[in-house]
Amino acid sequence: MIPTRKLGKTNYNATIFGLGGEGILRTSGYFKEAESVIKKAVEVGVNYFDTAPAYQQSRDYLGKFLWDHAKRESVFLASKTQDRTYEGTLSLVEDSLRRLNTSYLDLLQLHDLREKDDLTEIFSGDGAIHALEELKKLGKVRFLGITGHHDPKILIEAIKRYDFDTILLCVNAGDSHYLPFITTVIPEARKKGIGVIAMKITSQGRALSSIKMEEAFGFSLSQDVDLAIIGCKTPQEVEQNAYFARDFKPLSKEELADVKDKTKNFVAETNFFKKGMY
């Protein structure tokens, strides 16, 4: 079985490898290929599935195929809202529930927080945070979270303003070379008992020019995180990541330093999505 870790205050035991919304899921019109990836993820024991309205037909794929292979109560289903307003978020979540063929989301996250203006709008009188709270009261959402990979200061400010359940952020071997999230955001999140989910562990594959997939996985899961979501293009990639998860052992300080050192000449490749890099 894939090892599990408790996802912060949710108390959910999530597999350390979760199926991300990238890869084949972030496409349109590839239903057959998406089904094979979703089916394989369930077969190998993955219980955390990630999606977002911004990920093309990801929600449609999961809604059509996930329940053919998994029972609803056995899956932790996370989605997002990129809308910063109350009304817009309510509408977006209703659309997500319909597309995902479910009556509730386990986790709803404020997607891709980048600027102070995002926070100002979200926490305003008609901001998205009020929609999240209402949806939780109605039982349409169980837990609330945030995501971001642009500026660590924005995520720190967000968790100071609100008691979120989870945070999804970039955690990879090149993080320390530019605007680090690992050493800044994660400690602040843990002080509040927030569950930490790693993403971009290979920087959408760009880090693999300097390190191996197994090293990328090992480095990220050796940080203070609860799981890593990974987008997969094929069932073979799902199987490979499940193998790495089952075989995972925390890297030693020396091993961590070695993997990090391999990325020192690949700063742009491993951090291309951060503020000031594009």
C-alpha atoms as a PDB file:
ATOM      1  CA  MET A   1       0.000   0.000   0.000  1.00  0.00           C
ATOM      2  CA  ILE A   2       1.032   3.605  -0.539  1.00  0.00           C
ATOM      3  CA  PRO A   3       1.994   5.159   2.823  1.00  0.00           C
ATOM      4  CA  THR A   4      -0.329   7.788   4.248  1.00  0.00           C
ATOM      5  CA  ARG A   5       0.120  10.901   6.353  1.00  0.00           C
ATOM      6  CA  LYS A   6      -2.481  12.858   8.278  1.00  0.00           C
ATOM      7  CA  LEU A   7      -3.460  15.961   6.313  1.00  0.00           C
ATOM      8  CA  GLY A   8      -3.225  18.623   8.988  1.00  0.00           C
ATOM      9  CA  LYS A   9      -6.429  19.554  10.793  1.00  0.00           C
ATOM     10  CA  THR A  10      -8.547  17.525   8.382  1.00  0.00           C
ATOM     11  CA  ASN A  11      -7.333  14.359  10.144  1.00  0.00           C
ATOM     12  CA  TYR A  12      -7.649  12.583   6.803  1.00  0.00           C
ATOM     13  CA  ASN A  13      -4.991   9.955   6.115  1.00  0.00           C
ATOM     14  CA  ALA A  14      -3.932  10.929   2.604  1.00  0.00           C
ATOM     15  CA  THR A  15      -1.642   8.843   0.434  1.00  0.00           C
ATOM     16  CA  ILE A  16       1.714  10.617   0.103  1.00  0.00           C
ATOM     17  CA  PHE A  17       1.246  10.515  -3.671  1.00  0.00           C
ATOM     18  CA  GLY A  18      -1.913  12.230  -4.849  1.00  0.00           C
ATOM     19  CA  LEU A  19      -3.061  12.510  -8.447  1.00  0.00           C
ATOM     20  CA  GLY A  20      -2.581  16.100  -9.564  1.00  0.00           C
ATOM     21  CA  GLY A  21      -4.774  17.983 -11.987  1.00  0.00           C
ATOM     22  CA  GLU A  22      -1.989  18.482 -14.509  1.00  0.00           C
ATOM     23  CA  GLY A  23      -0.737  15.861 -16.968  1.00  0.00           C
ATOM     24  CA  ILE A  24      -3.405  14.231 -19.114  1.00  0.00           C
ATOM     25  CA  LEU A  25      -6.146  15.666 -16.905  1.00  0.00           C
ATOM     26  CA  ARG A  26      -5.300  19.209 -17.984  1.00  0.00           C
ATOM     27  CA  THR A  27      -6.455  18.630 -21.539  1.00  0.00           C
ATOM     28  CA  SER A  28      -9.678  18.640 -23.522  1.00  0.00           C
ATOM     29  CA  GLY A  29     -11.093  15.753 -25.496  1.00  0.00           C
ATOM     30  CA  TYR A  30      -8.775  13.000 -24.228  1.00  0.00           C
ATOM     31  CA  PHE A  31     -11.399  11.015 -22.341  1.00  0.00           C
ATOM     32  CA  LYS A  32     -10.013   7.546 -23.071  1.00  0.00           C
ATOM     33  CA  GLU A  33      -6.497   8.496 -21.991  1.00  0.00           C
ATOM     34  CA  ALA A  34      -7.759  10.304 -18.897  1.00  0.00           C
ATOM     35  CA  GLU A  35      -9.847   7.299 -17.864  1.00  0.00           C
ATOM     36  CA  SER A  36      -6.809   5.017 -17.993  1.00  0.00           C
ATOM     37  CA  VAL A  37      -4.851   7.346 -15.693  1.00  0.00           C
ATOM     38  CA  ILE A  38      -7.720   7.765 -13.228  1.00  0.00           C
ATOM     39  CA  LYS A  39      -8.397   4.025 -13.174  1.00  0.00           C
ATOM     40  CA  LYS A  40      -4.743   3.217 -12.561  1.00  0.00           C
ATOM     41  CA  ALA A  41      -4.543   5.753  -9.727  1.00  0.00           C
ATOM     42  CA  VAL A  42      -7.431   4.043  -7.956  1.00  0.00           C
ATOM     43  CA  GLU A  43      -5.937   0.597  -8.615  1.00  0.00           C
ATOM     44  CA  VAL A  44      -2.582   1.487  -7.024  1.00  0.00           C
ATOM     45  CA  GLY A  45      -4.319   2.943  -3.971  1.00  0.00           C
ATOM     46  CA  VAL A  46      -4.200   6.713  -4.471  1.00  0.00           C
ATOM     47  CA  ASN A  47      -6.928   8.344  -2.362  1.00  0.00           C
ATOM     48  CA  TYR A  48      -6.276  12.082  -2.986  1.00  0.00           C
ATOM     49  CA  PHE A  49      -7.421  13.614  -6.280  1.00  0.00           C
ATOM     50  CA  ASP A  50      -6.835  17.207  -7.331  1.00  0.00           C
ATOM     51  CA  THR A  51      -8.638  19.328  -9.898  1.00  0.00           C
ATOM     52  CA  ALA A  52      -9.587  22.931 -10.702  1.00  0.00           C
ATOM     53  CA  PRO A  53     -11.896  24.840 -13.055  1.00  0.00           C
ATOM     54  CA  ALA A  54      -8.782  26.244 -14.724  1.00  0.00           C
ATOM     55  CA  TYR A  55      -7.582  22.761 -15.713  1.00  0.00           C
ATOM     56  CA  GLN A  56      -9.531  22.390 -18.942  1.00  0.00           C
ATOM     57  CA  GLN A  57     -11.672  19.192 -18.786  1.00  0.00           C
ATOM     58  CA  SER A  58     -10.101  17.780 -15.638  1.00  0.00           C
ATOM     59  CA  ARG A  59     -13.366  18.001 -13.707  1.00  0.00           C
ATOM     60  CA  ASP A  60     -15.295  16.333 -16.529  1.00  0.00           C
ATOM     61  CA  TYR A  61     -12.852  13.435 -16.666  1.00  0.00           C
ATOM     62  CA  LEU A  62     -13.005  12.825 -12.923  1.00  0.00           C
ATOM     63  CA  GLY A  63     -16.774  13.169 -12.786  1.00  0.00           C
ATOM     64  CA  LYS A  64     -17.232  10.699 -15.613  1.00  0.00           C
ATOM     65  CA  PHE A  65     -14.721   8.036 -14.573  1.00  0.00           C
ATOM     66  CA  LEU A  66     -13.644   8.291 -10.924  1.00  0.00           C
ATOM     67  CA  TRP A  67     -16.879   6.885  -9.488  1.00  0.00           C
ATOM     68  CA  ASP A  68     -16.729   3.907 -11.848  1.00  0.00           C
ATOM     69  CA  HIS A  69     -13.665   2.733  -9.948  1.00  0.00           C
ATOM     70  CA  ALA A  70     -13.871   4.264  -6.469  1.00  0.00           C
ATOM     71  CA  LYS A  71     -16.512   4.792  -3.797  1.00  0.00           C
ATOM     72  CA  ARG A  72     -17.121   8.429  -2.939  1.00  0.00           C
ATOM     73  CA  GLU A  73     -16.291   7.966   0.748  1.00  0.00           C
ATOM     74  CA  SER A  74     -12.923   6.401  -0.089  1.00  0.00           C
ATOM     75  CA  VAL A  75     -11.697   9.461  -1.988  1.00  0.00           C
ATOM     76  CA  PHE A  76     -10.528  12.893  -0.855  1.00  0.00           C
ATOM     77  CA  LEU A  77     -11.536  15.205  -3.696  1.00  0.00           C
ATOM     78  CA  ALA A  78      -9.978  18.672  -3.838  1.00  0.00           C
ATOM     79  CA  SER A  79     -10.942  21.475  -6.184  1.00  0.00           C
ATOM     80  CA  LYS A  80     -10.375  25.211  -6.384  1.00  0.00           C
ATOM     81  CA  THR A  81     -11.876  28.585  -7.192  1.00  0.00           C
ATOM     82  CA  GLN A  82      -9.966  31.265  -9.028  1.00  0.00           C
ATOM     83  CA  ASP A  83     -12.875  33.677  -8.610  1.00  0.00           C
ATOM     84  CA  ARG A  84     -12.306  36.244  -5.861  1.00  0.00           C
ATOM     85  CA  THR A  85     -15.963  37.182  -5.348  1.00  0.00           C
ATOM     86  CA  TYR A  86     -18.831  35.739  -3.310  1.00  0.00           C
ATOM     87  CA  GLU A  87     -21.280  35.252  -6.165  1.00  0.00           C
ATOM     88  CA  GLY A  88     -18.644  34.115  -8.641  1.00  0.00           C
ATOM     89  CA  THR A  89     -17.314  31.481  -6.281  1.00  0.00           C
ATOM     90  CA  LEU A  90     -20.767  30.108  -5.456  1.00  0.00           C
ATOM     91  CA  SER A  91     -21.492  29.759  -9.163  1.00  0.00           C
ATOM     92  CA  LEU A  92     -18.143  28.184  -9.893  1.00  0.00           C
ATOM     93  CA  VAL A  93     -18.492  25.588  -7.130  1.00  0.00           C
ATOM     94  CA  GLU A  94     -21.989  24.610  -8.258  1.00  0.00           C
ATOM     95  CA  ASP A  95     -20.566  24.048 -11.734  1.00  0.00           C
ATOM     96  CA  SER A  96     -17.721  21.980 -10.280  1.00  0.00           C
ATOM     97  CA  LEU A  97     -20.094  19.787  -8.275  1.00  0.00           C
ATOM     98  CA  ARG A  98     -22.138  19.124 -11.391  1.00  0.00           C
ATOM     99  CA  ARG A  99     -19.102  18.315 -13.529  1.00  0.00           C
ATOM    100  CA  LEU A 100     -17.530  16.165 -10.822  1.00  0.00           C
ATOM    101  CA  ASN A 101     -20.805  14.282 -10.293  1.00  0.00           C
ATOM    102  CA  THR A 102     -20.710  14.697  -6.529  1.00  0.00           C
ATOM    103  CA  SER A 103     -22.741  16.482  -3.852  1.00  0.00           C
ATOM    104  CA  TYR A 104     -19.715  17.805  -1.960  1.00  0.00           C
ATOM    105  CA  LEU A 105     -16.011  18.605  -2.162  1.00  0.00           C
ATOM    106  CA  ASP A 106     -13.654  17.441   0.533  1.00  0.00           C
ATOM    107  CA  LEU A 107     -11.505  20.517  -0.004  1.00  0.00           C
ATOM    108  CA  LEU A 108     -12.144  23.851  -1.698  1.00  0.00           C
ATOM    109  CA  GLN A 109      -9.081  26.020  -2.206  1.00  0.00           C
ATOM    110  CA  LEU A 110      -8.650  29.676  -3.144  1.00  0.00           C
ATOM    111  CA  HIS A 111      -6.570  29.186  -6.260  1.00  0.00           C
ATOM    112  CA  ASP A 112      -3.235  30.785  -7.159  1.00  0.00           C
ATOM    113  CA  LEU A 113      -2.922  33.667  -4.691  1.00  0.00           C
ATOM    114  CA  ARG A 114      -0.402  36.110  -6.159  1.00  0.00           C
ATOM    115  CA  GLU A 115      -0.885  39.713  -5.128  1.00  0.00           C
ATOM    116  CA  LYS A 116      -2.131  41.746  -2.175  1.00  0.00           C
ATOM    117  CA  ASP A 117      -5.067  42.737  -4.353  1.00  0.00           C
ATOM    118  CA  ASP A 118      -6.146  39.086  -4.375  1.00  0.00           C
ATOM    119  CA  LEU A 119      -6.352  39.088  -0.586  1.00  0.00           C
ATOM    120  CA  THR A 120      -8.071  42.461  -0.466  1.00  0.00           C
ATOM    121  CA  GLU A 121     -10.823  41.229  -2.764  1.00  0.00           C
ATOM    122  CA  ILE A 122     -11.174  37.782  -1.179  1.00  0.00           C
ATOM    123  CA  PHE A 123     -11.592  39.221   2.331  1.00  0.00           C
ATOM    124  CA  SER A 124     -13.816  42.141   1.317  1.00  0.00           C
ATOM    125  CA  GLY A 125     -17.516  42.354   2.177  1.00  0.00           C
ATOM    126  CA  ASP A 126     -18.519  40.489  -0.986  1.00  0.00           C
ATOM    127  CA  GLY A 127     -15.344  38.438  -1.213  1.00  0.00           C
ATOM    128  CA  ALA A 128     -14.877  34.731  -1.893  1.00  0.00           C
ATOM    129  CA  ILE A 129     -14.101  33.860   1.722  1.00  0.00           C
ATOM    130  CA  HIS A 130     -17.780  34.371   2.604  1.00  0.00           C
ATOM    131  CA  ALA A 131     -18.792  31.928  -0.132  1.00  0.00           C
ATOM    132  CA  LEU A 132     -16.359  29.347   1.239  1.00  0.00           C
ATOM    133  CA  GLU A 133     -17.808  29.691   4.716  1.00  0.00           C
ATOM    134  CA  GLU A 134     -21.371  29.421   3.418  1.00  0.00           C
ATOM    135  CA  LEU A 135     -20.578  26.355   1.326  1.00  0.00           C
ATOM    136  CA  LYS A 136     -19.022  24.705   4.362  1.00  0.00           C
ATOM    137  CA  LYS A 137     -22.120  25.398   6.465  1.00  0.00           C
ATOM    138  CA  LEU A 138     -24.287  23.909   3.712  1.00  0.00           C
ATOM    139  CA  GLY A 139     -22.189  20.731   3.656  1.00  0.00           C
ATOM    140  CA  LYS A 140     -21.081  21.257   0.068  1.00  0.00           C
ATOM    141  CA  VAL A 141     -17.463  21.700   1.181  1.00  0.00           C
ATOM    142  CA  ARG A 142     -15.767  20.001   4.104  1.00  0.00           C
ATOM    143  CA  PHE A 143     -12.470  21.889   4.366  1.00  0.00           C
ATOM    144  CA  LEU A 144     -10.998  25.189   3.172  1.00  0.00           C
ATOM    145  CA  GLY A 145      -7.547  25.893   1.787  1.00  0.00           C
ATOM    146  CA  ILE A 146      -5.337  28.117  -0.349  1.00  0.00           C
ATOM    147  CA  THR A 147      -2.828  27.552  -3.124  1.00  0.00           C
ATOM    148  CA  GLY A 148       0.054  29.561  -4.515  1.00  0.00           C
ATOM    149  CA  HIS A 149       3.451  29.418  -6.182  1.00  0.00           C
ATOM    150  CA  HIS A 150       4.101  33.072  -7.014  1.00  0.00           C
ATOM    151  CA  ASP A 151       5.169  34.884  -3.839  1.00  0.00           C
ATOM    152  CA  PRO A 152       5.676  33.292  -0.396  1.00  0.00           C
ATOM    153  CA  LYS A 153       4.810  36.557   1.366  1.00  0.00           C
ATOM    154  CA  ILE A 154       1.266  36.452  -0.010  1.00  0.00           C
ATOM    155  CA  LEU A 155       0.642  32.952   1.329  1.00  0.00           C
ATOM    156  CA  ILE A 156       2.041  33.906   4.735  1.00  0.00           C
ATOM    157  CA  GLU A 157      -0.258  36.926   4.848  1.00  0.00           C
ATOM    158  CA  ALA A 158      -3.237  34.773   3.862  1.00  0.00           C
ATOM    159  CA  ILE A 159      -2.765  32.274   6.681  1.00  0.00           C
ATOM    160  CA  LYS A 160      -2.333  35.128   9.138  1.00  0.00           C
ATOM    161  CA  ARG A 161      -5.720  36.467   8.079  1.00  0.00           C
ATOM    162  CA  TYR A 162      -7.668  33.209   8.214  1.00  0.00           C
ATOM    163  CA  ASP A 163      -7.561  29.798   9.853  1.00  0.00           C
ATOM    164  CA  PHE A 164      -7.341  27.632   6.733  1.00  0.00           C
ATOM    165  CA  ASP A 165      -7.209  23.832   6.884  1.00  0.00           C
ATOM    166  CA  THR A 166      -4.645  23.274   4.120  1.00  0.00           C
ATOM    167  CA  ILE A 167      -2.108  24.990   1.915  1.00  0.00           C
ATOM    168  CA  LEU A 168      -0.879  23.815  -1.490  1.00  0.00           C
ATOM    169  CA  LEU A 169       2.507  25.227  -2.475  1.00  0.00           C
ATOM    170  CA  CYS A 170       5.610  24.490  -4.527  1.00  0.00           C
ATOM    171  CA  VAL A 171       8.128  22.169  -2.873  1.00  0.00           C
ATOM    172  CA  ASN A 172      11.069  21.119  -5.019  1.00  0.00           C
ATOM    173  CA  ALA A 173      14.824  20.673  -4.920  1.00  0.00           C
ATOM    174  CA  GLY A 174      15.508  24.079  -6.476  1.00  0.00           C
ATOM    175  CA  ASP A 175      13.233  26.044  -4.151  1.00  0.00           C
ATOM    176  CA  SER A 176      16.027  27.357  -1.929  1.00  0.00           C
ATOM    177  CA  HIS A 177      17.785  29.107  -4.811  1.00  0.00           C
ATOM    178  CA  TYR A 178      15.077  31.755  -5.331  1.00  0.00           C
ATOM    179  CA  LEU A 179      12.126  33.068  -3.248  1.00  0.00           C
ATOM    180  CA  PRO A 180      11.946  29.920  -1.103  1.00  0.00           C
ATOM    181  CA  PHE A 181       8.610  28.562   0.108  1.00  0.00           C
ATOM    182  CA  ILE A 182       9.931  25.573   2.068  1.00  0.00           C
ATOM    183  CA  THR A 183      11.787  27.564   4.715  1.00  0.00           C
ATOM    184  CA  THR A 184       9.327  30.466   4.930  1.00  0.00           C
ATOM    185  CA  VAL A 185       5.717  29.395   4.365  1.00  0.00           C
ATOM    186  CA  ILE A 186       5.726  25.822   5.672  1.00  0.00           C
ATOM    187  CA  PRO A 187       6.942  26.699   9.209  1.00  0.00           C
ATOM    188  CA  GLU A 188       4.251  29.384   9.511  1.00  0.00           C
ATOM    189  CA  ALA A 189       1.591  26.967   8.278  1.00  0.00           C
ATOM    190  CA  ARG A 190       2.640  24.278  10.714  1.00  0.00           C
ATOM    191  CA  LYS A 191       2.425  26.696  13.638  1.00  0.00           C
ATOM    192  CA  LYS A 192      -1.309  26.825  12.926  1.00  0.00           C
ATOM    193  CA  GLY A 193      -1.709  23.089  12.294  1.00  0.00           C
ATOM    194  CA  ILE A 194      -2.361  23.615   8.591  1.00  0.00           C
ATOM    195  CA  GLY A 195      -2.015  20.611   6.302  1.00  0.00           C
ATOM    196  CA  VAL A 196       0.747  21.061   3.719  1.00  0.00           C
ATOM    197  CA  ILE A 197       0.423  19.711   0.171  1.00  0.00           C
ATOM    198  CA  ALA A 198       3.412  19.820  -2.170  1.00  0.00           C
ATOM    199  CA  MET A 199       3.133  20.648  -5.852  1.00  0.00           C
ATOM    200  CA  LYS A 200       5.520  21.319  -8.737  1.00  0.00           C
ATOM    201  CA  ILE A 201       7.982  18.800  -7.348  1.00  0.00           C
ATOM    202  CA  THR A 202       9.544  18.542 -10.820  1.00  0.00           C
ATOM    203  CA  SER A 203       8.632  22.083 -11.953  1.00  0.00           C
ATOM    204  CA  GLN A 204       6.375  20.572 -14.616  1.00  0.00           C
ATOM    205  CA  GLY A 205       9.215  18.304 -15.698  1.00  0.00           C
ATOM    206  CA  ARG A 206      11.856  21.019 -16.079  1.00  0.00           C
ATOM    207  CA  ALA A 207      13.747  19.912 -12.964  1.00  0.00           C
ATOM    208  CA  LEU A 208      14.287  16.513 -14.565  1.00  0.00           C
ATOM    209  CA  SER A 209      17.091  18.009 -16.664  1.00  0.00           C
ATOM    210  CA  SER A 210      19.157  18.092 -13.459  1.00  0.00           C
ATOM    211  CA  ILE A 211      17.721  15.359 -11.196  1.00  0.00           C
ATOM    212  CA  LYS A 212      15.870  12.064 -11.520  1.00  0.00           C
ATOM    213  CA  MET A 213      12.173  11.649 -10.776  1.00  0.00           C
ATOM    214  CA  GLU A 214      12.960   9.479  -7.778  1.00  0.00           C
ATOM    215  CA  GLU A 215      15.224  12.223  -6.387  1.00  0.00           C
ATOM    216  CA  ALA A 216      12.571  14.878  -6.962  1.00  0.00           C
ATOM    217  CA  PHE A 217       9.971  12.769  -5.177  1.00  0.00           C
ATOM    218  CA  GLY A 218      12.329  11.868  -2.330  1.00  0.00           C
ATOM    219  CA  PHE A 219      13.409  15.467  -1.782  1.00  0.00           C
ATOM    220  CA  SER A 220       9.878  16.859  -1.629  1.00  0.00           C
ATOM    221  CA  LEU A 221       8.476  14.111   0.590  1.00  0.00           C
ATOM    222  CA  SER A 222      11.434  14.532   2.964  1.00  0.00           C
ATOM    223  CA  GLN A 223      10.238  18.058   3.731  1.00  0.00           C
ATOM    224  CA  ASP A 224       7.550  18.853   6.306  1.00  0.00           C
ATOM    225  CA  VAL A 225       4.656  18.047   3.975  1.00  0.00           C
ATOM    226  CA  ASP A 226       1.723  15.659   4.163  1.00  0.00           C
ATOM    227  CA  LEU A 227       1.636  14.596   0.530  1.00  0.00           C
ATOM    228  CA  ALA A 228       2.702  15.575  -2.976  1.00  0.00           C
ATOM    229  CA  ILE A 229       0.316  15.845  -5.904  1.00  0.00           C
ATOM    230  CA  ILE A 230       1.766  14.826  -9.256  1.00  0.00           C
ATOM    231  CA  GLY A 231       0.173  15.199 -12.651  1.00  0.00           C
ATOM    232  CA  CYS A 232       0.526  12.087 -14.800  1.00  0.00           C
ATOM    233  CA  LYS A 233       0.294  11.666 -18.566  1.00  0.00           C
ATOM    234  CA  THR A 234       0.048   7.877 -18.663  1.00  0.00           C
ATOM    235  CA  PRO A 235      -0.883   4.906 -16.440  1.00  0.00           C
ATOM    236  CA  GLN A 236       2.807   4.006 -16.493  1.00  0.00           C
ATOM    237  CA  GLU A 237       3.670   7.307 -14.829  1.00  0.00           C
ATOM    238  CA  VAL A 238       1.042   6.630 -12.164  1.00  0.00           C
ATOM    239  CA  GLU A 239       2.553   3.202 -11.544  1.00  0.00           C
ATOM    240  CA  GLN A 240       6.056   4.643 -11.334  1.00  0.00           C
ATOM    241  CA  ASN A 241       5.059   7.318  -8.825  1.00  0.00           C
ATOM    242  CA  ALA A 242       3.182   4.753  -6.754  1.00  0.00           C
ATOM    243  CA  TYR A 243       6.361   2.639  -6.693  1.00  0.00           C
ATOM    244  CA  PHE A 244       8.417   5.608  -5.488  1.00  0.00           C
ATOM    245  CA  ALA A 245       5.787   6.277  -2.815  1.00  0.00           C
ATOM    246  CA  ARG A 246       5.737   2.689  -1.577  1.00  0.00           C
ATOM    247  CA  ASP A 247       9.555   2.609  -1.551  1.00  0.00           C
ATOM    248  CA  PHE A 248       9.989   6.051   0.019  1.00  0.00           C
ATOM    249  CA  LYS A 249      12.422   6.582   2.849  1.00  0.00           C
ATOM    250  CA  PRO A 250      13.289  10.085   4.098  1.00  0.00           C
ATOM    251  CA  LEU A 251      16.541  11.359   2.630  1.00  0.00           C
ATOM    252  CA  SER A 252      19.453  12.055   4.954  1.00  0.00           C
ATOM    253  CA  LYS A 253      20.879  15.570   5.311  1.00  0.00           C
ATOM    254  CA  GLU A 254      23.703  14.577   3.009  1.00  0.00           C
ATOM    255  CA  GLU A 255      21.335  13.181   0.391  1.00  0.00           C
ATOM    256  CA  LEU A 256      19.119  16.261   0.555  1.00  0.00           C
ATOM    257  CA  ALA A 257      22.154  18.522   0.103  1.00  0.00           C
ATOM    258  CA  ASP A 258      23.316  16.452  -2.849  1.00  0.00           C
ATOM    259  CA  VAL A 259      19.976  16.641  -4.649  1.00  0.00           C
ATOM    260  CA  LYS A 260      19.705  20.374  -3.966  1.00  0.00           C
ATOM    261  CA  ASP A 261      23.244  20.924  -5.238  1.00  0.00           C
ATOM    262  CA  LYS A 262      22.378  19.303  -8.560  1.00  0.00           C
ATOM    263  CA  THR A 263      19.818  22.050  -9.196  1.00  0.00           C
ATOM    264  CA  LYS A 264      22.023  25.058  -8.385  1.00  0.00           C
ATOM    265  CA  ASN A 265      22.721  25.767 -12.058  1.00  0.00           C
ATOM    266  CA  PHE A 266      19.055  25.308 -12.962  1.00  0.00           C
ATOM    267  CA  VAL A 267      17.459  28.132 -10.978  1.00  0.00           C
ATOM    268  CA  ALA A 268      15.177  29.340 -13.771  1.00  0.00           C
ATOM    269  CA  GLU A 269      14.081  25.812 -14.676  1.00  0.00           C
ATOM    270  CA  THR A 270      13.075  24.927 -11.115  1.00  0.00           C
ATOM    271  CA  ASN A 271      11.548  28.313 -10.219  1.00  0.00           C
ATOM    272  CA  PHE A 272      10.142  29.616 -13.497  1.00  0.00           C
ATOM    273  CA  PHE A 273       6.660  30.088 -12.001  1.00  0.00           C
ATOM    274  CA  LYS A 274       7.722  32.473  -9.200  1.00  0.00           C
ATOM    275  CA  LYS A 275       7.468  36.240  -8.969  1.00  0.00           C
ATOM    276  CA  GLY A 276      10.124  37.995 -11.039  1.00  0.00           C
ATOM    277  CA  MET A 277      10.951  34.930 -13.116  1.00  0.00           C
ATOM    278  CA  TYR A 278       8.496  35.686 -15.912  1.00  0.00           C
END
